[in-house]
Every structure is written in C-alpha cells, then in structure tokens.
N, C-alpha and C. Protein backbone atom coordinates (compact mmCIF):
# COMPACT_ATOMS: atom_id res chain seq x y z
N SER A 1 10.35 -1.19 -20.01
CA SER A 1 11.46 -1.28 -18.97
C SER A 1 10.88 -2.52 -17.83
N ASP A 2 11.66 -3.29 -17.51
CA ASP A 2 11.33 -4.25 -16.55
C ASP A 2 11.33 -4.10 -14.98
N THR A 3 11.60 -2.70 -14.70
CA THR A 3 11.50 -2.44 -13.51
C THR A 3 9.97 -2.32 -12.79
N THR A 4 10.17 -3.07 -11.59
CA THR A 4 8.57 -2.80 -10.84
C THR A 4 8.76 -1.96 -9.65
N SER A 5 7.69 -1.06 -9.83
CA SER A 5 7.87 0.24 -8.43
C SER A 5 7.38 -0.38 -7.34
N PHE A 6 7.95 0.32 -6.70
CA PHE A 6 7.75 0.32 -4.91
C PHE A 6 5.93 -0.26 -4.71
N TYR A 7 5.72 0.56 -5.16
CA TYR A 7 3.71 0.46 -5.14
C TYR A 7 3.31 -1.03 -5.75
N GLU A 8 3.79 -1.16 -6.92
CA GLU A 8 3.71 -2.77 -7.68
C GLU A 8 4.11 -3.71 -6.61
N LEU A 9 5.31 -3.74 -6.32
CA LEU A 9 5.87 -4.53 -5.48
C LEU A 9 4.80 -4.81 -4.00
N LEU A 10 4.56 -3.77 -3.53
CA LEU A 10 3.83 -4.19 -2.44
C LEU A 10 2.40 -4.66 -2.74
N GLN A 11 1.64 -3.97 -3.91
CA GLN A 11 0.33 -4.62 -4.09
C GLN A 11 0.41 -5.94 -4.55
N GLU A 12 1.64 -6.52 -5.19
CA GLU A 12 2.01 -7.72 -5.37
C GLU A 12 1.81 -8.68 -4.21
N GLN A 13 2.73 -8.13 -3.20
CA GLN A 13 3.22 -8.90 -1.87
C GLN A 13 1.37 -8.90 -1.12
N LEU A 14 0.82 -7.41 -1.16
CA LEU A 14 -0.46 -7.54 -0.60
C LEU A 14 -1.43 -8.90 -1.18
N GLY A 15 -1.34 -9.13 -2.46
CA GLY A 15 -2.30 -10.01 -3.02
C GLY A 15 -1.85 -11.73 -2.58
N GLU A 16 -0.60 -11.59 -2.23
CA GLU A 16 -0.03 -13.21 -1.70
C GLU A 16 -0.63 -13.34 -0.24
N GLN A 17 -0.95 -12.27 0.40
CA GLN A 17 -1.67 -12.32 1.93
C GLN A 17 -2.74 -13.14 2.37
N ASP A 18 -2.90 -14.11 3.10
CA ASP A 18 -4.43 -14.48 3.44
C ASP A 18 -5.03 -13.50 4.41
N LEU A 19 -5.62 -12.61 3.79
CA LEU A 19 -6.37 -11.40 4.36
C LEU A 19 -7.89 -11.50 4.21
N THR A 20 -8.51 -10.96 4.98
CA THR A 20 -10.02 -10.72 4.40
C THR A 20 -10.14 -9.64 3.43
N GLU A 21 -11.44 -9.28 3.09
CA GLU A 21 -11.34 -8.21 2.02
C GLU A 21 -11.20 -6.89 2.74
N HIS A 22 -11.93 -6.66 4.07
CA HIS A 22 -11.68 -5.41 4.56
C HIS A 22 -10.30 -5.10 5.02
N GLN A 23 -9.32 -6.23 5.36
CA GLN A 23 -8.00 -6.00 5.61
C GLN A 23 -7.38 -5.83 4.42
N LYS A 24 -7.66 -5.94 3.16
CA LYS A 24 -6.99 -5.96 2.04
C LYS A 24 -7.28 -4.62 1.59
N GLU A 25 -8.73 -4.10 1.96
CA GLU A 25 -8.78 -2.60 1.32
C GLU A 25 -7.99 -1.91 2.27
N LEU A 26 -8.06 -1.61 3.60
CA LEU A 26 -7.17 -1.10 4.43
C LEU A 26 -5.63 -1.14 3.93
N ALA A 27 -5.10 -2.32 3.55
CA ALA A 27 -3.98 -2.34 3.45
C ALA A 27 -3.45 -1.58 1.78
N GLY A 28 -4.34 -1.88 1.06
CA GLY A 28 -4.38 -1.29 -0.14
C GLY A 28 -4.38 0.41 -0.07
N TYR A 29 -5.16 0.85 0.83
CA TYR A 29 -5.43 2.17 1.05
C TYR A 29 -4.15 2.70 1.48
N LEU A 30 -3.52 1.96 2.55
CA LEU A 30 -2.28 2.64 3.13
C LEU A 30 -1.18 2.63 2.14
N ILE A 31 -1.16 1.44 1.44
CA ILE A 31 -0.07 1.66 0.34
C ILE A 31 -0.01 2.74 -0.67
N GLY A 32 -1.35 2.67 -0.95
CA GLY A 32 -1.75 4.26 -1.99
C GLY A 32 -1.36 5.28 -1.54
N SER A 33 -1.17 5.55 0.13
CA SER A 33 -1.09 6.76 0.55
C SER A 33 0.66 6.91 1.07
N PHE A 34 1.57 6.03 0.44
CA PHE A 34 2.79 6.30 0.50
C PHE A 34 3.14 7.19 -0.64
N ASP A 35 4.10 8.18 -0.55
CA ASP A 35 4.68 9.01 -1.43
C ASP A 35 5.68 8.19 -2.40
N ASP A 36 6.24 8.85 -3.58
CA ASP A 36 7.29 8.30 -3.97
C ASP A 36 8.73 8.01 -3.49
N ASP A 37 8.90 8.52 -2.25
CA ASP A 37 10.08 8.14 -1.48
C ASP A 37 9.52 6.97 -0.53
N GLY A 38 8.35 6.27 -0.87
CA GLY A 38 8.26 5.06 -0.06
C GLY A 38 7.61 5.33 1.74
N LEU A 39 7.46 6.87 1.67
CA LEU A 39 7.19 7.37 3.24
C LEU A 39 5.52 7.67 3.40
N LEU A 40 5.19 7.38 4.26
CA LEU A 40 3.55 7.70 4.74
C LEU A 40 3.73 9.23 5.71
N ARG A 41 3.37 10.41 4.74
CA ARG A 41 3.84 11.46 5.06
C ARG A 41 2.38 12.35 5.65
N LYS A 42 1.37 11.38 5.57
CA LYS A 42 -0.04 12.08 5.95
C LYS A 42 -0.14 11.98 7.46
N GLN A 43 -0.49 12.84 8.05
CA GLN A 43 -1.04 12.84 9.71
C GLN A 43 -1.87 11.67 9.83
N SER A 44 -1.70 11.01 11.22
CA SER A 44 -2.24 10.12 11.56
C SER A 44 -3.88 10.17 11.74
N HIS A 45 -4.17 11.37 11.80
CA HIS A 45 -5.62 11.66 11.99
C HIS A 45 -6.27 11.91 10.87
N SER A 46 -5.53 11.92 9.76
CA SER A 46 -6.01 12.09 8.49
C SER A 46 -6.33 10.98 7.63
N ILE A 47 -5.85 9.85 8.29
CA ILE A 47 -5.97 8.40 7.73
C ILE A 47 -7.11 7.86 8.36
N LYS A 48 -8.02 7.90 7.39
CA LYS A 48 -9.71 7.06 8.07
C LYS A 48 -9.80 5.69 7.33
C-alpha cells in the first residue's frame, strides 16, 4: 500500500527542518508519544 502513516509523515517533516540534534531528539520523542489518533495523551509531567 502507498499510504503514509501520520507518524511517518511527521518524521519526514521533522527531517526537513533546520534543527539542532537536541531539538530533533526532543521532537522525535514527542512524535513517538502520539497515539494512533494523533493525540498526545500523556500527562505533561510524564514527558521528560
């Protein structure tokens, strides 16, 4: 199938940004924290 997942799309867009390695790591962590509905359901204090 040629469909791109929400996660893959965000990862692709992240790769196109001019960010430091640290910023990319943080953004990648947040992207990986989204659920299948594209929502960040973690409590803010649990995101470290």
